[in-house]
Amino acid sequence: MKKTLLALLLAFGALAQAQQAPSTFVPEEFQAGKDVVWVPTPQVLVDKMLDMAKVTPADFVMDLGSGDGRTVITAAKRGARALGVEYNPDMVELSKRNAEQEGVAGKAAFVKADLFETDFSEASVITMFLLPDINRKLRPKILDLKPGTRIVSNSFTMGDWKADETATLTADTGCPSSYCTALFWIVPAKVAGTYKVPQGELTLKQDFQMLTGTLRTGSATFTVEGRVRGEEITFKAGGREYRGRMNGKSLELR
């Protein structure tokens, strides 16, 4: 009888401890979030996205909607400082544990925050796996970042701001998901305007990174077609190619 009572007490004690012990959060694919459902980016695509952005230890990478932290952790393993912005507090804590386990907690940080209320201005690289409508809502803020800031998105576009580069991985390259396309942009300098240059008067119109306009030199006027990549400008006019750089609000042709 005493043994039976002792066994019952031990069983109840173990049950009570199990009920009090916090369960480890395990995310589920397609679980609902504030702005998007969570779908993990395949690791091979994470690597490709960071390759396209040419991430180095000199970079500060921000991942918008950082989920389980894999992009931030991978960037930190490359030596970069990296910050994940995630609204789900359970995901934030999971990411911190993952960073600890991978030995990069000193370079990988995570915050619970709203994407639309977050300051991106210090980032040199921004990664994301959001939806097209959210990308478009964030686009004005991204276009106001420092020229040359690199942006990489898993699968989803920025509306009519066309990507500078696109890369699609396949199952043969180790990407089993249907979300295996990386899109890359470089934030362009704002260059629209009229400039006095050694060749004459250059008028530029800008549609994101694409440039059109005119170059008036002497009595001739030539059509301009070109593009801007960060602060670097290239264009053709009158059968010649020109290169230049924005220095603040001044254009320096070389």
C-alpha atoms as a PDB file:
ATOM      1  CA  MET A   1       0.000   0.000   0.000  1.00  0.00           C
ATOM      2  CA  LYS A   2       2.818   2.362   0.930  1.00  0.00           C
ATOM      3  CA  LYS A   3       4.638   1.557  -2.314  1.00  0.00           C
ATOM      4  CA  THR A   4       1.448   2.219  -4.332  1.00  0.00           C
ATOM      5  CA  LEU A   5       0.899   5.557  -2.572  1.00  0.00           C
ATOM      6  CA  LEU A   6       4.535   6.539  -3.155  1.00  0.00           C
ATOM      7  CA  ALA A   7       4.276   5.642  -6.832  1.00  0.00           C
ATOM      8  CA  LEU A   8       1.139   7.762  -7.162  1.00  0.00           C
ATOM      9  CA  LEU A   9       2.796  10.729  -5.454  1.00  0.00           C
ATOM     10  CA  LEU A  10       5.829  10.453  -7.730  1.00  0.00           C
ATOM     11  CA  ALA A  11       3.592  10.241 -10.786  1.00  0.00           C
ATOM     12  CA  PHE A  12       1.605  13.322  -9.753  1.00  0.00           C
ATOM     13  CA  GLY A  13       4.855  15.173  -9.042  1.00  0.00           C
ATOM     14  CA  ALA A  14       6.262  14.341 -12.451  1.00  0.00           C
ATOM     15  CA  LEU A  15       3.003  15.437 -14.093  1.00  0.00           C
ATOM     16  CA  ALA A  16       3.027  18.731 -12.229  1.00  0.00           C
ATOM     17  CA  GLN A  17       6.626  19.401 -13.254  1.00  0.00           C
ATOM     18  CA  ALA A  18       5.840  18.571 -16.867  1.00  0.00           C
ATOM     19  CA  GLN A  19       2.900  20.995 -16.810  1.00  0.00           C
ATOM     20  CA  GLN A  20       5.045  23.762 -15.313  1.00  0.00           C
ATOM     21  CA  ALA A  21       8.064  23.230 -17.609  1.00  0.00           C
ATOM     22  CA  PRO A  22       7.980  25.599 -20.580  1.00  0.00           C
ATOM     23  CA  SER A  23       7.645  23.835 -23.907  1.00  0.00           C
ATOM     24  CA  THR A  24      10.198  24.630 -26.611  1.00  0.00           C
ATOM     25  CA  PHE A  25       8.636  26.594 -29.453  1.00  0.00           C
ATOM     26  CA  VAL A  26       8.744  24.791 -32.793  1.00  0.00           C
ATOM     27  CA  PRO A  27       7.567  26.835 -35.792  1.00  0.00           C
ATOM     28  CA  GLU A  28       5.215  25.284 -38.312  1.00  0.00           C
ATOM     29  CA  GLU A  29       5.441  25.989 -42.031  1.00  0.00           C
ATOM     30  CA  PHE A  30       2.650  28.334 -43.195  1.00  0.00           C
ATOM     31  CA  GLN A  31       1.872  29.441 -39.647  1.00  0.00           C
ATOM     32  CA  ALA A  32       0.161  32.830 -39.617  1.00  0.00           C
ATOM     33  CA  GLY A  33       2.106  35.993 -38.824  1.00  0.00           C
ATOM     34  CA  LYS A  34       1.304  39.689 -38.650  1.00  0.00           C
ATOM     35  CA  ASP A  35       1.920  40.424 -42.332  1.00  0.00           C
ATOM     36  CA  VAL A  36       2.778  37.062 -43.913  1.00  0.00           C
ATOM     37  CA  VAL A  37       2.696  33.353 -43.181  1.00  0.00           C
ATOM     38  CA  TRP A  38       6.031  31.786 -42.304  1.00  0.00           C
ATOM     39  CA  VAL A  39       7.748  29.689 -44.950  1.00  0.00           C
ATOM     40  CA  PRO A  40      11.464  28.991 -44.420  1.00  0.00           C
ATOM     41  CA  THR A  41      13.872  30.055 -47.144  1.00  0.00           C
ATOM     42  CA  PRO A  42      15.900  27.032 -48.318  1.00  0.00           C
ATOM     43  CA  GLN A  43      19.469  27.330 -47.056  1.00  0.00           C
ATOM     44  CA  VAL A  44      20.889  27.079 -50.561  1.00  0.00           C
ATOM     45  CA  LEU A  45      18.851  30.154 -51.550  1.00  0.00           C
ATOM     46  CA  VAL A  46      19.941  32.014 -48.409  1.00  0.00           C
ATOM     47  CA  ASP A  47      23.524  31.434 -49.550  1.00  0.00           C
ATOM     48  CA  LYS A  48      22.705  32.595 -53.079  1.00  0.00           C
ATOM     49  CA  MET A  49      20.986  35.766 -51.839  1.00  0.00           C
ATOM     50  CA  LEU A  50      23.994  36.712 -49.731  1.00  0.00           C
ATOM     51  CA  ASP A  51      26.311  35.862 -52.623  1.00  0.00           C
ATOM     52  CA  MET A  52      24.382  38.202 -54.929  1.00  0.00           C
ATOM     53  CA  ALA A  53      24.645  40.977 -52.346  1.00  0.00           C
ATOM     54  CA  LYS A  54      28.386  40.250 -51.981  1.00  0.00           C
ATOM     55  CA  VAL A  55      28.125  40.287 -48.184  1.00  0.00           C
ATOM     56  CA  THR A  56      31.437  40.834 -46.396  1.00  0.00           C
ATOM     57  CA  PRO A  57      32.509  41.444 -42.781  1.00  0.00           C
ATOM     58  CA  ALA A  58      32.203  45.180 -43.525  1.00  0.00           C
ATOM     59  CA  ASP A  59      28.422  44.896 -43.983  1.00  0.00           C
ATOM     60  CA  PHE A  60      25.470  45.430 -41.687  1.00  0.00           C
ATOM     61  CA  VAL A  61      22.726  43.083 -42.877  1.00  0.00           C
ATOM     62  CA  MET A  62      19.069  43.495 -41.884  1.00  0.00           C
ATOM     63  CA  ASP A  63      16.602  40.680 -42.554  1.00  0.00           C
ATOM     64  CA  LEU A  64      12.973  41.798 -42.616  1.00  0.00           C
ATOM     65  CA  GLY A  65      10.695  39.097 -41.240  1.00  0.00           C
ATOM     66  CA  SER A  66      13.601  37.015 -40.011  1.00  0.00           C
ATOM     67  CA  GLY A  67      11.638  33.917 -38.976  1.00  0.00           C
ATOM     68  CA  ASP A  68      13.905  31.271 -37.448  1.00  0.00           C
ATOM     69  CA  GLY A  69      16.954  33.479 -38.014  1.00  0.00           C
ATOM     70  CA  ARG A  70      18.729  31.438 -40.680  1.00  0.00           C
ATOM     71  CA  THR A  71      19.537  34.378 -42.989  1.00  0.00           C
ATOM     72  CA  VAL A  72      20.874  36.500 -40.130  1.00  0.00           C
ATOM     73  CA  ILE A  73      22.915  33.587 -38.783  1.00  0.00           C
ATOM     74  CA  THR A  74      24.362  32.826 -42.226  1.00  0.00           C
ATOM     75  CA  ALA A  75      25.346  36.478 -42.709  1.00  0.00           C
ATOM     76  CA  ALA A  76      26.972  36.484 -39.264  1.00  0.00           C
ATOM     77  CA  LYS A  77      28.956  33.368 -40.187  1.00  0.00           C
ATOM     78  CA  ARG A  78      30.364  35.408 -43.081  1.00  0.00           C
ATOM     79  CA  GLY A  79      31.588  37.946 -40.554  1.00  0.00           C
ATOM     80  CA  ALA A  80      28.903  40.577 -41.075  1.00  0.00           C
ATOM     81  CA  ARG A  81      26.920  42.241 -38.313  1.00  0.00           C
ATOM     82  CA  ALA A  82      23.343  41.139 -38.818  1.00  0.00           C
ATOM     83  CA  LEU A  83      19.956  42.032 -37.336  1.00  0.00           C
ATOM     84  CA  GLY A  84      16.690  40.160 -37.748  1.00  0.00           C
ATOM     85  CA  VAL A  85      13.401  42.052 -37.500  1.00  0.00           C
ATOM     86  CA  GLU A  86      10.546  39.745 -36.524  1.00  0.00           C
ATOM     87  CA  TYR A  87       7.105  40.435 -35.046  1.00  0.00           C
ATOM     88  CA  ASN A  88       6.535  37.003 -33.470  1.00  0.00           C
ATOM     89  CA  PRO A  89       8.266  36.982 -30.046  1.00  0.00           C
ATOM     90  CA  ASP A  90       8.520  33.183 -30.064  1.00  0.00           C
ATOM     91  CA  MET A  91      10.421  33.345 -33.348  1.00  0.00           C
ATOM     92  CA  VAL A  92      12.716  36.005 -31.897  1.00  0.00           C
ATOM     93  CA  GLU A  93      13.610  33.799 -28.928  1.00  0.00           C
ATOM     94  CA  LEU A  94      14.043  30.761 -31.195  1.00  0.00           C
ATOM     95  CA  SER A  95      16.407  32.765 -33.406  1.00  0.00           C
ATOM     96  CA  LYS A  96      18.473  33.850 -30.421  1.00  0.00           C
ATOM     97  CA  ARG A  97      18.830  30.220 -29.326  1.00  0.00           C
ATOM     98  CA  ASN A  98      19.780  29.188 -32.846  1.00  0.00           C
ATOM     99  CA  ALA A  99      22.420  31.919 -33.013  1.00  0.00           C
ATOM    100  CA  GLU A 100      23.850  30.752 -29.686  1.00  0.00           C
ATOM    101  CA  GLN A 101      24.015  27.172 -30.934  1.00  0.00           C
ATOM    102  CA  GLU A 102      25.775  28.289 -34.124  1.00  0.00           C
ATOM    103  CA  GLY A 103      28.299  30.363 -32.169  1.00  0.00           C
ATOM    104  CA  VAL A 104      27.420  33.735 -33.728  1.00  0.00           C
ATOM    105  CA  ALA A 105      25.399  35.404 -30.976  1.00  0.00           C
ATOM    106  CA  GLY A 106      27.988  38.185 -30.865  1.00  0.00           C
ATOM    107  CA  LYS A 107      27.234  39.220 -34.455  1.00  0.00           C
ATOM    108  CA  ALA A 108      23.609  38.075 -34.890  1.00  0.00           C
ATOM    109  CA  ALA A 109      20.890  40.006 -33.066  1.00  0.00           C
ATOM    110  CA  PHE A 110      17.104  39.810 -33.226  1.00  0.00           C
ATOM    111  CA  VAL A 111      14.374  42.268 -32.250  1.00  0.00           C
ATOM    112  CA  LYS A 112      10.611  42.062 -32.027  1.00  0.00           C
ATOM    113  CA  ALA A 113       9.453  44.959 -34.160  1.00  0.00           C
ATOM    114  CA  ASP A 114       7.020  46.058 -36.854  1.00  0.00           C
ATOM    115  CA  LEU A 115       8.596  46.270 -40.316  1.00  0.00           C
ATOM    116  CA  PHE A 116       6.792  49.508 -41.069  1.00  0.00           C
ATOM    117  CA  GLU A 117       8.108  51.184 -37.934  1.00  0.00           C
ATOM    118  CA  THR A 118      11.724  50.008 -38.247  1.00  0.00           C
ATOM    119  CA  ASP A 119      14.665  52.226 -39.189  1.00  0.00           C
ATOM    120  CA  PHE A 120      16.645  50.630 -42.043  1.00  0.00           C
ATOM    121  CA  SER A 121      18.990  53.560 -42.620  1.00  0.00           C
ATOM    122  CA  GLU A 122      22.136  51.938 -41.177  1.00  0.00           C
ATOM    123  CA  ALA A 123      21.866  48.751 -43.242  1.00  0.00           C
ATOM    124  CA  SER A 124      24.172  48.168 -46.178  1.00  0.00           C
ATOM    125  CA  VAL A 125      22.258  45.005 -47.164  1.00  0.00           C
ATOM    126  CA  ILE A 126      18.548  44.227 -46.681  1.00  0.00           C
ATOM    127  CA  THR A 127      17.108  40.756 -47.207  1.00  0.00           C
ATOM    128  CA  MET A 128      13.444  39.806 -47.225  1.00  0.00           C
ATOM    129  CA  PHE A 129      10.906  37.113 -47.964  1.00  0.00           C
ATOM    130  CA  LEU A 130       7.680  39.069 -47.882  1.00  0.00           C
ATOM    131  CA  LEU A 131       4.745  39.485 -50.269  1.00  0.00           C
ATOM    132  CA  PRO A 132       4.641  41.777 -53.320  1.00  0.00           C
ATOM    133  CA  ASP A 133       2.164  44.210 -51.743  1.00  0.00           C
ATOM    134  CA  ILE A 134       4.344  44.530 -48.620  1.00  0.00           C
ATOM    135  CA  ASN A 135       7.441  45.029 -50.783  1.00  0.00           C
ATOM    136  CA  ARG A 136       5.634  47.837 -52.608  1.00  0.00           C
ATOM    137  CA  LYS A 137       4.614  49.467 -49.329  1.00  0.00           C
ATOM    138  CA  LEU A 138       8.212  49.340 -48.121  1.00  0.00           C
ATOM    139  CA  ARG A 139       9.593  50.496 -51.473  1.00  0.00           C
ATOM    140  CA  PRO A 140       9.464  54.287 -50.886  1.00  0.00           C
ATOM    141  CA  LYS A 141      11.369  53.839 -47.631  1.00  0.00           C
ATOM    142  CA  ILE A 142      13.914  51.593 -49.344  1.00  0.00           C
ATOM    143  CA  LEU A 143      14.410  54.036 -52.225  1.00  0.00           C
ATOM    144  CA  ASP A 144      15.257  56.745 -49.675  1.00  0.00           C
ATOM    145  CA  LEU A 145      18.144  54.684 -48.316  1.00  0.00           C
ATOM    146  CA  LYS A 146      21.760  55.535 -49.064  1.00  0.00           C
ATOM    147  CA  PRO A 147      22.548  54.951 -52.751  1.00  0.00           C
ATOM    148  CA  GLY A 148      24.341  51.646 -53.157  1.00  0.00           C
ATOM    149  CA  THR A 149      22.374  49.830 -50.449  1.00  0.00           C
ATOM    150  CA  ARG A 150      21.814  46.251 -51.683  1.00  0.00           C
ATOM    151  CA  ILE A 151      18.385  44.633 -51.510  1.00  0.00           C
ATOM    152  CA  VAL A 152      17.640  40.927 -52.015  1.00  0.00           C
ATOM    153  CA  SER A 153      14.193  39.346 -52.027  1.00  0.00           C
ATOM    154  CA  ASN A 154      13.184  35.706 -52.086  1.00  0.00           C
ATOM    155  CA  SER A 155      10.768  35.247 -55.021  1.00  0.00           C
ATOM    156  CA  PHE A 156       8.730  38.446 -54.771  1.00  0.00           C
ATOM    157  CA  THR A 157       9.152  41.622 -56.792  1.00  0.00           C
ATOM    158  CA  MET A 158       9.092  45.353 -56.049  1.00  0.00           C
ATOM    159  CA  GLY A 159       6.294  46.027 -58.498  1.00  0.00           C
ATOM    160  CA  ASP A 160       7.488  48.068 -61.491  1.00  0.00           C
ATOM    161  CA  TRP A 161      10.945  48.562 -59.973  1.00  0.00           C
ATOM    162  CA  LYS A 162      12.616  45.832 -61.983  1.00  0.00           C
ATOM    163  CA  ALA A 163      15.401  43.810 -60.398  1.00  0.00           C
ATOM    164  CA  ASP A 164      18.991  44.484 -61.427  1.00  0.00           C
ATOM    165  CA  GLU A 165      19.699  40.753 -61.283  1.00  0.00           C
ATOM    166  CA  THR A 166      17.617  37.585 -60.942  1.00  0.00           C
ATOM    167  CA  ALA A 167      18.771  34.039 -60.189  1.00  0.00           C
ATOM    168  CA  THR A 168      16.580  30.948 -60.023  1.00  0.00           C
ATOM    169  CA  LEU A 169      17.775  27.734 -58.418  1.00  0.00           C
ATOM    170  CA  THR A 170      16.351  24.294 -59.151  1.00  0.00           C
ATOM    171  CA  ALA A 171      16.059  20.961 -57.411  1.00  0.00           C
ATOM    172  CA  ASP A 172      19.241  19.951 -59.250  1.00  0.00           C
ATOM    173  CA  THR A 173      21.069  22.736 -57.398  1.00  0.00           C
ATOM    174  CA  GLY A 174      19.622  21.674 -54.048  1.00  0.00           C
ATOM    175  CA  CYS A 175      16.604  23.954 -53.838  1.00  0.00           C
ATOM    176  CA  PRO A 176      13.554  21.739 -53.253  1.00  0.00           C
ATOM    177  CA  SER A 177      11.094  24.566 -52.573  1.00  0.00           C
ATOM    178  CA  SER A 178       8.886  26.412 -55.058  1.00  0.00           C
ATOM    179  CA  TYR A 179      10.417  29.600 -53.581  1.00  0.00           C
ATOM    180  CA  CYS A 180      13.846  29.419 -55.170  1.00  0.00           C
ATOM    181  CA  THR A 181      14.301  32.727 -56.982  1.00  0.00           C
ATOM    182  CA  ALA A 182      16.490  35.544 -55.679  1.00  0.00           C
ATOM    183  CA  LEU A 183      15.891  39.098 -56.914  1.00  0.00           C
ATOM    184  CA  PHE A 184      18.565  41.744 -56.398  1.00  0.00           C
ATOM    185  CA  TRP A 185      18.425  45.547 -56.504  1.00  0.00           C
ATOM    186  CA  ILE A 186      20.882  48.339 -55.778  1.00  0.00           C
ATOM    187  CA  VAL A 187      19.295  51.509 -54.425  1.00  0.00           C
ATOM    188  CA  PRO A 188      19.893  54.174 -57.094  1.00  0.00           C
ATOM    189  CA  ALA A 189      20.957  57.736 -56.401  1.00  0.00           C
ATOM    190  CA  LYS A 190      18.364  60.385 -57.252  1.00  0.00           C
ATOM    191  CA  VAL A 191      19.800  61.893 -60.427  1.00  0.00           C
ATOM    192  CA  ALA A 192      16.856  63.436 -62.295  1.00  0.00           C
ATOM    193  CA  GLY A 193      17.595  67.047 -63.227  1.00  0.00           C
ATOM    194  CA  THR A 194      19.649  69.287 -65.499  1.00  0.00           C
ATOM    195  CA  TYR A 195      23.433  69.537 -65.170  1.00  0.00           C
ATOM    196  CA  LYS A 196      26.129  71.680 -66.719  1.00  0.00           C
ATOM    197  CA  VAL A 197      28.854  69.283 -67.878  1.00  0.00           C
ATOM    198  CA  PRO A 198      32.007  69.800 -69.981  1.00  0.00           C
ATOM    199  CA  GLN A 199      30.150  68.455 -73.013  1.00  0.00           C
ATOM    200  CA  GLY A 200      27.245  70.903 -72.643  1.00  0.00           C
ATOM    201  CA  GLU A 201      23.885  70.559 -70.875  1.00  0.00           C
ATOM    202  CA  LEU A 202      22.705  67.161 -69.690  1.00  0.00           C
ATOM    203  CA  THR A 203      19.047  66.634 -68.752  1.00  0.00           C
ATOM    204  CA  LEU A 204      18.161  63.343 -67.079  1.00  0.00           C
ATOM    205  CA  LYS A 205      14.814  61.741 -66.393  1.00  0.00           C
ATOM    206  CA  GLN A 206      14.803  58.796 -64.010  1.00  0.00           C
ATOM    207  CA  ASP A 207      12.583  55.737 -63.688  1.00  0.00           C
ATOM    208  CA  PHE A 208      14.167  53.883 -60.755  1.00  0.00           C
ATOM    209  CA  GLN A 209      17.571  52.804 -62.119  1.00  0.00           C
ATOM    210  CA  MET A 210      16.788  53.573 -65.767  1.00  0.00           C
ATOM    211  CA  LEU A 211      17.716  56.920 -67.313  1.00  0.00           C
ATOM    212  CA  THR A 212      16.529  58.830 -70.368  1.00  0.00           C
ATOM    213  CA  GLY A 213      17.019  62.446 -71.392  1.00  0.00           C
ATOM    214  CA  THR A 214      19.042  64.704 -73.673  1.00  0.00           C
ATOM    215  CA  LEU A 215      22.597  65.987 -74.047  1.00  0.00           C
ATOM    216  CA  ARG A 216      22.895  69.365 -75.724  1.00  0.00           C
ATOM    217  CA  THR A 217      26.362  70.100 -77.008  1.00  0.00           C
ATOM    218  CA  GLY A 218      26.913  73.070 -79.312  1.00  0.00           C
ATOM    219  CA  SER A 219      24.073  73.144 -81.824  1.00  0.00           C
ATOM    220  CA  ALA A 220      23.367  69.405 -81.531  1.00  0.00           C
ATOM    221  CA  THR A 221      20.989  67.587 -79.190  1.00  0.00           C
ATOM    222  CA  PHE A 222      21.421  63.877 -78.561  1.00  0.00           C
ATOM    223  CA  THR A 223      19.060  61.381 -76.963  1.00  0.00           C
ATOM    224  CA  VAL A 224      20.311  59.858 -73.735  1.00  0.00           C
ATOM    225  CA  GLU A 225      19.740  56.278 -72.574  1.00  0.00           C
ATOM    226  CA  GLY A 226      21.414  54.851 -69.518  1.00  0.00           C
ATOM    227  CA  ARG A 227      21.167  53.635 -65.966  1.00  0.00           C
ATOM    228  CA  VAL A 228      22.295  54.395 -62.453  1.00  0.00           C
ATOM    229  CA  ARG A 229      23.765  51.776 -60.131  1.00  0.00           C
ATOM    230  CA  GLY A 230      24.159  53.206 -56.664  1.00  0.00           C
ATOM    231  CA  GLU A 231      26.009  56.477 -57.311  1.00  0.00           C
ATOM    232  CA  GLU A 232      27.533  55.299 -60.600  1.00  0.00           C
ATOM    233  CA  ILE A 233      25.983  56.493 -63.858  1.00  0.00           C
ATOM    234  CA  THR A 234      26.475  55.213 -67.403  1.00  0.00           C
ATOM    235  CA  PHE A 235      24.695  56.465 -70.505  1.00  0.00           C
ATOM    236  CA  LYS A 236      25.025  56.639 -74.260  1.00  0.00           C
ATOM    237  CA  ALA A 237      24.491  59.771 -76.345  1.00  0.00           C
ATOM    238  CA  GLY A 238      25.527  60.588 -79.906  1.00  0.00           C
ATOM    239  CA  GLY A 239      27.245  57.236 -80.348  1.00  0.00           C
ATOM    240  CA  ARG A 240      29.476  57.697 -77.300  1.00  0.00           C
ATOM    241  CA  GLU A 241      29.348  56.121 -73.856  1.00  0.00           C
ATOM    242  CA  TYR A 242      29.725  58.306 -70.791  1.00  0.00           C
ATOM    243  CA  ARG A 243      30.417  57.394 -67.201  1.00  0.00           C
ATOM    244  CA  GLY A 244      29.965  59.487 -64.133  1.00  0.00           C
ATOM    245  CA  ARG A 245      29.249  59.586 -60.439  1.00  0.00           C
ATOM    246  CA  MET A 246      26.875  61.507 -58.241  1.00  0.00           C
ATOM    247  CA  ASN A 247      28.689  63.468 -55.572  1.00  0.00           C
ATOM    248  CA  GLY A 248      25.900  64.724 -53.351  1.00  0.00           C
ATOM    249  CA  LYS A 249      23.750  66.725 -55.761  1.00  0.00           C
ATOM    250  CA  SER A 250      26.554  67.224 -58.267  1.00  0.00           C
ATOM    251  CA  LEU A 251      27.213  65.006 -61.263  1.00  0.00           C
ATOM    252  CA  GLU A 252      30.843  64.359 -62.147  1.00  0.00           C
ATOM    253  CA  LEU A 253      31.383  62.923 -65.636  1.00  0.00           C
ATOM    254  CA  ARG A 254      34.587  61.046 -66.352  1.00  0.00           C
END
